[in-house]
Amino acid sequence: MVVMASINLSDEKKKALLVCARKSIQQALNGDWDQKPAILEPDDLGAAFVTLKLHGQLRGCIGTLEAYQSLMSDVWQNAYSAAFRDPRFPPLMEDEFHQVRIEISVLTAPQPISVASEQDLLNRLRPDIDGLILEEGHHRATFLPAVWEALPTPEEFLLHLKRKAGLSDNYWSDSTRFSIYQAINFYENYSHKCS
């Protein structure tokens, strides 16, 4: 298998990934998640986040930052985890399953960036384009590029990422490591078809 250097997904591949995610959750609700379907045939290595939205609100989001398995398998596992293992939410219920919208973000490989200061980082962030990973000791957090919709300025984006990582609002250290990545986002419409 080959690691994807850039993201180029056909509409058919996007639809197949969305079907895979929904099937993963459905099979888990039916008690047969371990019976992996033929759609998990080997393909390119890839990293993805699966986000669940219920009535427009976050209902679960789990993902992988670096590719280590096939993209289809990654989506299969992360869909299950978003529905049943996101510690912020109770496990998804059957009655929610038919109302939840699945979104998938397929990520490029994270690229470490060196910055001289917090202002340097803020100047280099590209709203609506970059996802950001923050690592400081045992503190680690990321925001997908889609988070720019809710936090549209670099200052807000970084502030809330620090909070997510468990750091204080004004925290800065030269030992903090940052990486950026991009993503292709796609999602179901409410009739469970790729839009």
N, C-alpha and C. Protein backbone atom coordinates (compact mmCIF):
# COMPACT_ATOMS: atom_id res chain seq x y z
N MET A 1 0.83 -1.19 0.00
CA MET A 1 0.00 0.00 0.00
C MET A 1 0.87 1.25 0.00
N VAL A 2 0.34 2.32 -0.56
CA VAL A 2 1.06 3.58 -0.69
C VAL A 2 0.39 4.63 0.17
N VAL A 3 1.18 5.43 0.88
CA VAL A 3 0.64 6.54 1.67
C VAL A 3 0.27 7.67 0.71
N MET A 4 -0.92 8.25 0.91
CA MET A 4 -1.35 9.35 0.06
C MET A 4 -0.51 10.59 0.35
N ALA A 5 0.16 11.11 -0.68
CA ALA A 5 0.95 12.33 -0.52
C ALA A 5 0.05 13.56 -0.57
N SER A 6 -0.94 13.51 -1.43
CA SER A 6 -1.94 14.56 -1.49
C SER A 6 -3.30 13.88 -1.57
N ILE A 7 -4.34 14.66 -1.42
CA ILE A 7 -5.67 14.07 -1.38
C ILE A 7 -6.36 14.29 -2.72
N ASN A 8 -6.74 13.22 -3.34
CA ASN A 8 -7.48 13.30 -4.59
C ASN A 8 -8.51 12.17 -4.56
N LEU A 9 -9.70 12.48 -4.11
CA LEU A 9 -10.75 11.48 -3.96
C LEU A 9 -11.86 11.71 -4.97
N SER A 10 -12.21 10.67 -5.68
CA SER A 10 -13.33 10.77 -6.61
C SER A 10 -14.64 10.83 -5.82
N ASP A 11 -15.69 11.26 -6.48
CA ASP A 11 -17.01 11.26 -5.84
C ASP A 11 -17.41 9.85 -5.44
N GLU A 12 -17.04 8.86 -6.25
CA GLU A 12 -17.35 7.47 -5.93
C GLU A 12 -16.64 7.02 -4.66
N LYS A 13 -15.38 7.44 -4.50
CA LYS A 13 -14.62 7.07 -3.30
C LYS A 13 -15.21 7.75 -2.06
N LYS A 14 -15.59 9.02 -2.20
CA LYS A 14 -16.21 9.71 -1.07
C LYS A 14 -17.50 9.00 -0.65
N LYS A 15 -18.30 8.64 -1.63
CA LYS A 15 -19.56 7.95 -1.32
C LYS A 15 -19.28 6.61 -0.65
N ALA A 16 -18.27 5.88 -1.15
CA ALA A 16 -17.92 4.58 -0.56
C ALA A 16 -17.46 4.74 0.88
N LEU A 17 -16.71 5.80 1.17
CA LEU A 17 -16.25 6.04 2.54
C LEU A 17 -17.43 6.38 3.46
N LEU A 18 -18.38 7.17 2.97
CA LEU A 18 -19.56 7.49 3.77
C LEU A 18 -20.41 6.24 4.02
N VAL A 19 -20.56 5.39 3.00
CA VAL A 19 -21.29 4.13 3.17
C VAL A 19 -20.58 3.26 4.20
N CYS A 20 -19.26 3.21 4.11
CA CYS A 20 -18.45 2.43 5.06
C CYS A 20 -18.68 2.91 6.50
N ALA A 21 -18.67 4.22 6.70
CA ALA A 21 -18.85 4.78 8.05
C ALA A 21 -20.23 4.42 8.60
N ARG A 22 -21.25 4.60 7.78
CA ARG A 22 -22.61 4.30 8.25
C ARG A 22 -22.77 2.82 8.52
N LYS A 23 -22.20 1.99 7.67
CA LYS A 23 -22.30 0.54 7.85
C LYS A 23 -21.59 0.10 9.14
N SER A 24 -20.47 0.73 9.45
CA SER A 24 -19.74 0.42 10.68
C SER A 24 -20.63 0.66 11.91
N ILE A 25 -21.29 1.81 11.93
CA ILE A 25 -22.16 2.15 13.08
C ILE A 25 -23.37 1.22 13.12
N GLN A 26 -23.97 0.96 11.96
CA GLN A 26 -25.15 0.09 11.90
C GLN A 26 -24.81 -1.32 12.39
N GLN A 27 -23.67 -1.84 11.93
CA GLN A 27 -23.29 -3.19 12.36
C GLN A 27 -23.01 -3.23 13.86
N ALA A 28 -22.43 -2.16 14.40
CA ALA A 28 -22.19 -2.12 15.85
C ALA A 28 -23.51 -2.13 16.61
N LEU A 29 -24.48 -1.36 16.12
CA LEU A 29 -25.80 -1.34 16.76
C LEU A 29 -26.48 -2.71 16.67
N ASN A 30 -26.18 -3.45 15.59
CA ASN A 30 -26.74 -4.79 15.41
C ASN A 30 -25.96 -5.87 16.14
N GLY A 31 -24.82 -5.47 16.74
CA GLY A 31 -24.02 -6.44 17.50
C GLY A 31 -23.08 -7.28 16.67
N ASP A 32 -22.83 -6.89 15.41
CA ASP A 32 -21.91 -7.69 14.59
C ASP A 32 -20.84 -6.82 13.93
N TRP A 33 -20.30 -5.86 14.66
CA TRP A 33 -19.30 -4.94 14.13
C TRP A 33 -18.03 -5.67 13.69
N ASP A 34 -17.67 -6.75 14.38
CA ASP A 34 -16.44 -7.47 14.05
C ASP A 34 -16.50 -8.19 12.71
N GLN A 35 -17.69 -8.34 12.14
CA GLN A 35 -17.83 -8.97 10.82
C GLN A 35 -17.57 -7.91 9.76
N LYS A 36 -16.30 -7.67 9.48
CA LYS A 36 -15.94 -6.59 8.56
C LYS A 36 -16.35 -6.94 7.14
N PRO A 37 -16.96 -5.98 6.44
CA PRO A 37 -17.44 -6.24 5.09
C PRO A 37 -16.33 -6.22 4.04
N ALA A 38 -16.66 -6.68 2.84
CA ALA A 38 -15.70 -6.73 1.74
C ALA A 38 -15.22 -5.34 1.33
N ILE A 39 -15.98 -4.28 1.68
CA ILE A 39 -15.56 -2.92 1.28
C ILE A 39 -14.25 -2.51 1.93
N LEU A 40 -13.77 -3.28 2.91
CA LEU A 40 -12.50 -2.93 3.56
C LEU A 40 -11.30 -3.53 2.84
N GLU A 41 -11.46 -3.86 1.56
CA GLU A 41 -10.33 -4.36 0.77
C GLU A 41 -9.19 -3.35 0.86
N PRO A 42 -7.94 -3.82 0.78
CA PRO A 42 -6.80 -2.89 0.89
C PRO A 42 -6.86 -1.77 -0.13
N ASP A 43 -6.59 -0.57 0.32
CA ASP A 43 -6.44 0.57 -0.56
C ASP A 43 -5.29 1.41 -0.01
N ASP A 44 -5.12 2.63 -0.50
CA ASP A 44 -4.03 3.48 -0.04
C ASP A 44 -4.14 3.73 1.46
N LEU A 45 -2.99 3.87 2.09
CA LEU A 45 -2.99 4.27 3.49
C LEU A 45 -3.58 5.68 3.59
N GLY A 46 -4.32 5.91 4.65
CA GLY A 46 -4.90 7.22 4.83
C GLY A 46 -5.31 7.47 6.26
N ALA A 47 -5.43 8.74 6.61
CA ALA A 47 -5.85 9.15 7.95
C ALA A 47 -7.10 10.00 7.82
N ALA A 48 -8.09 9.73 8.67
CA ALA A 48 -9.36 10.44 8.57
C ALA A 48 -9.97 10.66 9.95
N PHE A 49 -10.78 11.70 10.03
CA PHE A 49 -11.65 11.92 11.19
C PHE A 49 -13.07 11.69 10.74
N VAL A 50 -13.85 11.07 11.61
CA VAL A 50 -15.28 10.90 11.36
C VAL A 50 -16.01 11.73 12.42
N THR A 51 -16.88 12.62 11.94
CA THR A 51 -17.65 13.51 12.82
C THR A 51 -19.12 13.17 12.67
N LEU A 52 -19.82 13.09 13.78
CA LEU A 52 -21.26 12.86 13.78
C LEU A 52 -21.95 14.12 14.24
N LYS A 53 -22.96 14.55 13.49
CA LYS A 53 -23.76 15.72 13.87
C LYS A 53 -25.21 15.29 14.01
N LEU A 54 -25.83 15.73 15.08
CA LEU A 54 -27.24 15.46 15.33
C LEU A 54 -27.95 16.79 15.46
N HIS A 55 -28.88 17.07 14.56
CA HIS A 55 -29.59 18.36 14.53
C HIS A 55 -28.61 19.53 14.49
N GLY A 56 -27.52 19.35 13.72
CA GLY A 56 -26.53 20.41 13.55
C GLY A 56 -25.52 20.54 14.67
N GLN A 57 -25.67 19.74 15.73
CA GLN A 57 -24.76 19.80 16.88
C GLN A 57 -23.82 18.60 16.89
N LEU A 58 -22.60 18.82 17.37
CA LEU A 58 -21.62 17.74 17.46
C LEU A 58 -22.17 16.61 18.32
N ARG A 59 -22.04 15.38 17.83
CA ARG A 59 -22.49 14.20 18.58
C ARG A 59 -21.37 13.18 18.76
N GLY A 60 -20.22 13.46 18.16
CA GLY A 60 -19.06 12.58 18.30
C GLY A 60 -18.06 12.91 17.21
N CYS A 61 -16.77 12.80 17.55
CA CYS A 61 -15.72 13.04 16.56
C CYS A 61 -14.45 12.34 17.03
N ILE A 62 -14.00 11.41 16.23
CA ILE A 62 -12.77 10.67 16.53
C ILE A 62 -12.01 10.50 15.22
N GLY A 63 -10.69 10.55 15.29
CA GLY A 63 -9.93 10.37 14.07
C GLY A 63 -8.49 10.00 14.29
N THR A 64 -7.79 9.93 13.19
CA THR A 64 -6.39 9.54 13.15
C THR A 64 -5.61 10.67 12.47
N LEU A 65 -4.51 11.07 13.07
CA LEU A 65 -3.72 12.16 12.51
C LEU A 65 -2.68 11.69 11.51
N GLU A 66 -2.21 10.45 11.66
CA GLU A 66 -1.20 9.95 10.74
C GLU A 66 -1.61 8.59 10.22
N ALA A 67 -1.42 8.40 8.92
CA ALA A 67 -1.85 7.16 8.26
C ALA A 67 -1.02 5.97 8.74
N TYR A 68 -1.71 4.89 9.11
CA TYR A 68 -1.03 3.65 9.46
C TYR A 68 -1.78 2.43 8.94
N GLN A 69 -2.95 2.63 8.35
CA GLN A 69 -3.74 1.55 7.79
C GLN A 69 -4.49 2.08 6.57
N SER A 70 -5.21 1.21 5.89
CA SER A 70 -5.93 1.65 4.70
C SER A 70 -6.95 2.71 5.09
N LEU A 71 -7.22 3.63 4.18
CA LEU A 71 -8.17 4.70 4.45
C LEU A 71 -9.54 4.14 4.79
N MET A 72 -9.99 3.12 4.07
CA MET A 72 -11.30 2.54 4.33
C MET A 72 -11.36 1.94 5.74
N SER A 73 -10.31 1.23 6.15
CA SER A 73 -10.27 0.66 7.50
C SER A 73 -10.23 1.75 8.56
N ASP A 74 -9.53 2.84 8.26
CA ASP A 74 -9.45 3.95 9.20
C ASP A 74 -10.83 4.56 9.42
N VAL A 75 -11.57 4.76 8.33
CA VAL A 75 -12.93 5.30 8.44
C VAL A 75 -13.83 4.32 9.19
N TRP A 76 -13.71 3.03 8.91
CA TRP A 76 -14.51 1.99 9.58
C TRP A 76 -14.32 2.08 11.10
N GLN A 77 -13.06 2.13 11.54
CA GLN A 77 -12.77 2.16 12.98
C GLN A 77 -13.17 3.49 13.61
N ASN A 78 -12.89 4.60 12.93
CA ASN A 78 -13.18 5.90 13.52
C ASN A 78 -14.67 6.20 13.56
N ALA A 79 -15.45 5.66 12.63
CA ALA A 79 -16.90 5.82 12.69
C ALA A 79 -17.44 5.13 13.95
N TYR A 80 -16.96 3.93 14.19
CA TYR A 80 -17.37 3.20 15.39
C TYR A 80 -16.99 4.00 16.64
N SER A 81 -15.75 4.47 16.68
CA SER A 81 -15.28 5.20 17.86
C SER A 81 -16.04 6.52 18.06
N ALA A 82 -16.33 7.23 16.97
CA ALA A 82 -17.08 8.48 17.09
C ALA A 82 -18.47 8.24 17.66
N ALA A 83 -19.08 7.11 17.29
CA ALA A 83 -20.44 6.80 17.74
C ALA A 83 -20.47 6.25 19.16
N PHE A 84 -19.45 5.51 19.55
CA PHE A 84 -19.55 4.77 20.81
C PHE A 84 -18.41 5.01 21.81
N ARG A 85 -17.34 5.69 21.40
CA ARG A 85 -16.20 5.83 22.31
C ARG A 85 -15.73 7.26 22.53
N ASP A 86 -16.43 8.24 21.99
CA ASP A 86 -16.05 9.63 22.25
C ASP A 86 -16.41 9.91 23.71
N PRO A 87 -15.41 10.20 24.56
CA PRO A 87 -15.68 10.36 25.99
C PRO A 87 -16.58 11.55 26.33
N ARG A 88 -16.80 12.44 25.39
CA ARG A 88 -17.64 13.62 25.64
C ARG A 88 -19.13 13.30 25.55
N PHE A 89 -19.47 12.13 25.00
CA PHE A 89 -20.87 11.80 24.74
C PHE A 89 -21.19 10.37 25.15
N PRO A 90 -22.46 10.10 25.49
CA PRO A 90 -22.86 8.72 25.72
C PRO A 90 -22.87 7.98 24.37
N PRO A 91 -22.82 6.64 24.39
CA PRO A 91 -22.88 5.89 23.14
C PRO A 91 -24.13 6.25 22.33
N LEU A 92 -23.97 6.27 21.01
CA LEU A 92 -25.07 6.58 20.11
C LEU A 92 -26.18 5.54 20.28
N MET A 93 -27.42 6.01 20.28
CA MET A 93 -28.57 5.12 20.42
C MET A 93 -29.18 4.86 19.04
N GLU A 94 -29.90 3.76 18.95
CA GLU A 94 -30.53 3.36 17.69
C GLU A 94 -31.42 4.47 17.13
N ASP A 95 -32.21 5.12 17.99
CA ASP A 95 -33.12 6.16 17.48
C ASP A 95 -32.36 7.39 16.96
N GLU A 96 -31.12 7.60 17.42
CA GLU A 96 -30.31 8.72 16.92
C GLU A 96 -29.66 8.37 15.59
N PHE A 97 -29.41 7.10 15.37
CA PHE A 97 -28.65 6.65 14.20
C PHE A 97 -29.25 7.16 12.89
N HIS A 98 -30.55 7.13 12.78
CA HIS A 98 -31.20 7.51 11.53
C HIS A 98 -31.28 9.04 11.35
N GLN A 99 -30.98 9.78 12.42
CA GLN A 99 -31.01 11.24 12.34
C GLN A 99 -29.62 11.86 12.26
N VAL A 100 -28.60 11.09 12.59
CA VAL A 100 -27.25 11.63 12.64
C VAL A 100 -26.69 11.78 11.23
N ARG A 101 -25.95 12.87 11.02
CA ARG A 101 -25.28 13.08 9.74
C ARG A 101 -23.80 12.79 9.93
N ILE A 102 -23.24 12.04 9.01
CA ILE A 102 -21.83 11.65 9.06
C ILE A 102 -21.02 12.58 8.18
N GLU A 103 -19.93 13.09 8.75
CA GLU A 103 -18.98 13.91 8.01
C GLU A 103 -17.62 13.23 8.09
N ILE A 104 -16.87 13.26 7.02
CA ILE A 104 -15.54 12.67 6.99
C ILE A 104 -14.54 13.73 6.55
N SER A 105 -13.42 13.78 7.25
CA SER A 105 -12.30 14.64 6.87
C SER A 105 -11.10 13.74 6.61
N VAL A 106 -10.61 13.73 5.38
CA VAL A 106 -9.42 12.96 5.03
C VAL A 106 -8.24 13.91 5.06
N LEU A 107 -7.22 13.56 5.84
CA LEU A 107 -6.12 14.47 6.13
C LEU A 107 -4.88 14.21 5.29
N THR A 108 -4.17 15.29 4.99
CA THR A 108 -2.82 15.16 4.45
C THR A 108 -1.90 14.82 5.63
N ALA A 109 -0.69 14.40 5.33
CA ALA A 109 0.28 14.11 6.40
C ALA A 109 0.64 15.40 7.12
N PRO A 110 0.62 15.40 8.46
CA PRO A 110 1.00 16.61 9.21
C PRO A 110 2.45 17.00 8.93
N GLN A 111 2.68 18.30 8.82
CA GLN A 111 4.03 18.84 8.57
C GLN A 111 4.45 19.71 9.74
N PRO A 112 5.52 19.35 10.44
CA PRO A 112 5.99 20.19 11.55
C PRO A 112 6.36 21.59 11.04
N ILE A 113 6.06 22.59 11.84
CA ILE A 113 6.47 23.95 11.50
C ILE A 113 7.24 24.54 12.68
N SER A 114 8.26 25.30 12.36
CA SER A 114 9.04 26.00 13.39
C SER A 114 8.57 27.44 13.42
N VAL A 115 8.29 27.91 14.62
CA VAL A 115 7.85 29.29 14.77
C VAL A 115 8.68 29.96 15.85
N ALA A 116 8.92 31.25 15.67
CA ALA A 116 9.76 32.01 16.60
C ALA A 116 8.97 32.55 17.78
N SER A 117 7.65 32.69 17.60
CA SER A 117 6.82 33.27 18.65
C SER A 117 5.36 32.92 18.38
N GLU A 118 4.51 33.23 19.34
CA GLU A 118 3.08 33.00 19.13
C GLU A 118 2.57 33.85 17.97
N GLN A 119 3.05 35.08 17.88
CA GLN A 119 2.61 35.95 16.78
C GLN A 119 3.05 35.37 15.44
N ASP A 120 4.23 34.79 15.39
CA ASP A 120 4.71 34.15 14.16
C ASP A 120 3.76 33.01 13.75
N LEU A 121 3.34 32.22 14.72
CA LEU A 121 2.40 31.14 14.43
C LEU A 121 1.08 31.70 13.92
N LEU A 122 0.56 32.71 14.60
CA LEU A 122 -0.72 33.31 14.20
C LEU A 122 -0.64 33.87 12.77
N ASN A 123 0.50 34.45 12.43
CA ASN A 123 0.68 35.02 11.09
C ASN A 123 0.73 33.94 10.01
N ARG A 124 1.17 32.75 10.38
CA ARG A 124 1.35 31.69 9.39
C ARG A 124 0.11 30.80 9.21
N LEU A 125 -0.81 30.84 10.18
CA LEU A 125 -2.02 30.02 10.06
C LEU A 125 -2.92 30.55 8.95
N ARG A 126 -3.47 29.65 8.16
CA ARG A 126 -4.35 30.03 7.06
C ARG A 126 -5.78 29.60 7.39
N PRO A 127 -6.64 30.56 7.77
CA PRO A 127 -8.02 30.22 8.10
C PRO A 127 -8.70 29.47 6.96
N ASP A 128 -9.53 28.49 7.36
CA ASP A 128 -10.30 27.65 6.44
C ASP A 128 -9.44 26.69 5.63
N ILE A 129 -8.13 26.69 5.85
CA ILE A 129 -7.23 25.79 5.10
C ILE A 129 -6.49 24.84 6.03
N ASP A 130 -5.85 25.39 7.07
CA ASP A 130 -4.98 24.59 7.91
C ASP A 130 -5.67 23.99 9.12
N GLY A 131 -5.36 22.73 9.38
CA GLY A 131 -5.61 22.12 10.68
C GLY A 131 -4.33 22.27 11.47
N LEU A 132 -4.42 22.26 12.79
CA LEU A 132 -3.25 22.50 13.63
C LEU A 132 -3.18 21.46 14.74
N ILE A 133 -1.97 20.94 14.94
CA ILE A 133 -1.69 20.03 16.06
C ILE A 133 -0.77 20.76 17.02
N LEU A 134 -1.10 20.74 18.30
CA LEU A 134 -0.28 21.33 19.35
C LEU A 134 0.19 20.20 20.26
N GLU A 135 1.50 20.17 20.55
CA GLU A 135 2.06 19.16 21.44
C GLU A 135 2.99 19.83 22.44
N GLU A 136 2.72 19.60 23.72
CA GLU A 136 3.54 20.15 24.80
C GLU A 136 3.55 19.14 25.93
N GLY A 137 4.67 18.42 26.07
CA GLY A 137 4.72 17.37 27.09
C GLY A 137 3.64 16.34 26.84
N HIS A 138 2.83 16.07 27.87
CA HIS A 138 1.73 15.11 27.71
C HIS A 138 0.46 15.78 27.18
N HIS A 139 0.51 17.07 26.93
CA HIS A 139 -0.63 17.80 26.37
C HIS A 139 -0.58 17.70 24.84
N ARG A 140 -1.71 17.30 24.27
CA ARG A 140 -1.78 17.21 22.80
C ARG A 140 -3.22 17.46 22.37
N ALA A 141 -3.38 18.27 21.33
CA ALA A 141 -4.72 18.54 20.81
C ALA A 141 -4.61 18.96 19.36
N THR A 142 -5.72 18.81 18.66
CA THR A 142 -5.79 19.26 17.27
C THR A 142 -7.15 19.86 16.99
N PHE A 143 -7.17 20.76 16.03
CA PHE A 143 -8.40 21.25 15.44
C PHE A 143 -8.33 21.00 13.94
N LEU A 144 -9.38 20.41 13.40
CA LEU A 144 -9.50 20.22 11.96
C LEU A 144 -9.73 21.57 11.28
N PRO A 145 -9.43 21.66 9.99
CA PRO A 145 -9.71 22.91 9.28
C PRO A 145 -11.18 23.34 9.38
N ALA A 146 -12.09 22.40 9.51
CA ALA A 146 -13.52 22.74 9.62
C ALA A 146 -13.83 23.58 10.85
N VAL A 147 -12.97 23.55 11.86
CA VAL A 147 -13.22 24.30 13.10
C VAL A 147 -13.15 25.80 12.87
N TRP A 148 -12.50 26.22 11.77
CA TRP A 148 -12.46 27.65 11.45
C TRP A 148 -13.85 28.24 11.30
N GLU A 149 -14.85 27.41 10.96
CA GLU A 149 -16.22 27.91 10.83
C GLU A 149 -16.72 28.49 12.15
N ALA A 150 -16.34 27.86 13.26
CA ALA A 150 -16.77 28.32 14.58
C ALA A 150 -15.78 29.30 15.21
N LEU A 151 -14.51 29.19 14.84
CA LEU A 151 -13.46 30.03 15.40
C LEU A 151 -12.70 30.68 14.25
N PRO A 152 -13.23 31.76 13.68
CA PRO A 152 -12.73 32.25 12.39
C PRO A 152 -11.42 33.03 12.39
N THR A 153 -10.91 33.42 13.55
CA THR A 153 -9.64 34.16 13.56
C THR A 153 -8.53 33.26 14.11
N PRO A 154 -7.30 33.48 13.65
CA PRO A 154 -6.19 32.69 14.19
C PRO A 154 -6.08 32.78 15.71
N GLU A 155 -6.37 33.98 16.26
CA GLU A 155 -6.29 34.15 17.72
C GLU A 155 -7.29 33.26 18.45
N GLU A 156 -8.52 33.23 17.98
CA GLU A 156 -9.55 32.37 18.59
C GLU A 156 -9.19 30.89 18.42
N PHE A 157 -8.76 30.56 17.24
CA PHE A 157 -8.43 29.17 16.89
C PHE A 157 -7.35 28.64 17.85
N LEU A 158 -6.27 29.41 18.01
CA LEU A 158 -5.17 28.98 18.87
C LEU A 158 -5.58 28.98 20.34
N LEU A 159 -6.31 30.00 20.77
CA LEU A 159 -6.75 30.09 22.16
C LEU A 159 -7.56 28.85 22.55
N HIS A 160 -8.52 28.48 21.73
CA HIS A 160 -9.37 27.32 22.05
C HIS A 160 -8.62 26.00 21.90
N LEU A 161 -7.61 25.97 21.02
CA LEU A 161 -6.79 24.76 20.92
C LEU A 161 -5.96 24.58 22.18
N LYS A 162 -5.42 25.68 22.73
CA LYS A 162 -4.69 25.59 24.00
C LYS A 162 -5.60 25.05 25.09
N ARG A 163 -6.82 25.57 25.17
CA ARG A 163 -7.77 25.10 26.18
C ARG A 163 -8.07 23.61 25.99
N LYS A 164 -8.27 23.21 24.75
CA LYS A 164 -8.54 21.79 24.47
C LYS A 164 -7.39 20.91 24.94
N ALA A 165 -6.16 21.42 24.81
CA ALA A 165 -4.97 20.67 25.23
C ALA A 165 -4.75 20.71 26.74
N GLY A 166 -5.57 21.50 27.44
CA GLY A 166 -5.41 21.61 28.89
C GLY A 166 -4.36 22.62 29.31
N LEU A 167 -4.07 23.57 28.45
CA LEU A 167 -3.09 24.61 28.76
C LEU A 167 -3.81 25.93 29.05
N SER A 168 -3.13 26.83 29.74
CA SER A 168 -3.74 28.12 30.06
C SER A 168 -3.81 28.99 28.80
N ASP A 169 -4.69 29.98 28.84
CA ASP A 169 -4.92 30.84 27.68
C ASP A 169 -3.64 31.56 27.21
N ASN A 170 -2.81 31.97 28.16
CA ASN A 170 -1.62 32.73 27.79
C ASN A 170 -0.36 31.87 27.74
N TYR A 171 -0.53 30.54 27.72
CA TYR A 171 0.63 29.65 27.71
C TYR A 171 1.43 29.79 26.43
N TRP A 172 2.74 29.89 26.57
CA TRP A 172 3.63 29.82 25.43
C TRP A 172 4.98 29.28 25.89
N SER A 173 5.55 28.39 25.12
CA SER A 173 6.86 27.85 25.43
C SER A 173 7.57 27.53 24.13
N ASP A 174 8.88 27.75 24.12
CA ASP A 174 9.66 27.41 22.93
C ASP A 174 9.72 25.90 22.70
N SER A 175 9.35 25.12 23.71
CA SER A 175 9.37 23.66 23.56
C SER A 175 8.08 23.11 22.93
N THR A 176 7.06 23.96 22.80
CA THR A 176 5.80 23.52 22.20
C THR A 176 6.02 23.22 20.72
N ARG A 177 5.50 22.08 20.29
CA ARG A 177 5.64 21.68 18.89
C ARG A 177 4.30 21.86 18.18
N PHE A 178 4.37 22.33 16.93
CA PHE A 178 3.18 22.53 16.11
C PHE A 178 3.36 21.83 14.77
N SER A 179 2.27 21.30 14.27
CA SER A 179 2.24 20.73 12.92
C SER A 179 0.95 21.19 12.26
N ILE A 180 1.02 21.38 10.94
CA ILE A 180 -0.18 21.75 10.20
C ILE A 180 -0.49 20.67 9.17
N TYR A 181 -1.74 20.61 8.79
CA TYR A 181 -2.20 19.68 7.77
C TYR A 181 -3.43 20.28 7.12
N GLN A 182 -3.82 19.70 6.01
CA GLN A 182 -5.05 20.11 5.35
C GLN A 182 -5.98 18.91 5.27
N ALA A 183 -7.21 19.14 4.86
CA ALA A 183 -8.18 18.05 4.80
C ALA A 183 -9.20 18.31 3.71
N ILE A 184 -9.71 17.23 3.17
CA ILE A 184 -10.90 17.29 2.30
C ILE A 184 -12.07 16.84 3.17
N ASN A 185 -13.10 17.67 3.23
CA ASN A 185 -14.31 17.36 4.01
C ASN A 185 -15.44 17.01 3.07
N PHE A 186 -16.20 16.01 3.44
CA PHE A 186 -17.42 15.68 2.71
C PHE A 186 -18.38 15.02 3.69
N TYR A 187 -19.65 15.04 3.35
CA TYR A 187 -20.65 14.60 4.32
C TYR A 187 -21.90 14.12 3.61
N GLU A 188 -22.70 13.40 4.39
CA GLU A 188 -24.00 12.95 3.91
C GLU A 188 -24.98 14.12 3.96
N ASN A 189 -25.98 14.06 3.10
CA ASN A 189 -27.11 14.92 3.36
C ASN A 189 -28.06 14.10 4.22
N TYR A 190 -29.20 14.62 4.55
CA TYR A 190 -30.04 13.92 5.52
C TYR A 190 -30.75 12.71 4.96
N SER A 191 -30.60 12.47 3.64
CA SER A 191 -31.13 11.23 3.11
C SER A 191 -30.02 10.20 2.94
N HIS A 192 -28.88 10.46 3.59
CA HIS A 192 -27.74 9.55 3.64
C HIS A 192 -27.08 9.34 2.29
N LYS A 193 -26.99 10.40 1.51
CA LYS A 193 -26.27 10.34 0.26
C LYS A 193 -25.19 11.40 0.29
N CYS A 194 -24.12 11.13 -0.42
CA CYS A 194 -23.03 12.10 -0.50
C CYS A 194 -23.53 13.36 -1.19
N SER A 195 -23.31 14.52 -0.58
CA SER A 195 -23.79 15.75 -1.21
C SER A 195 -22.73 16.34 -2.11
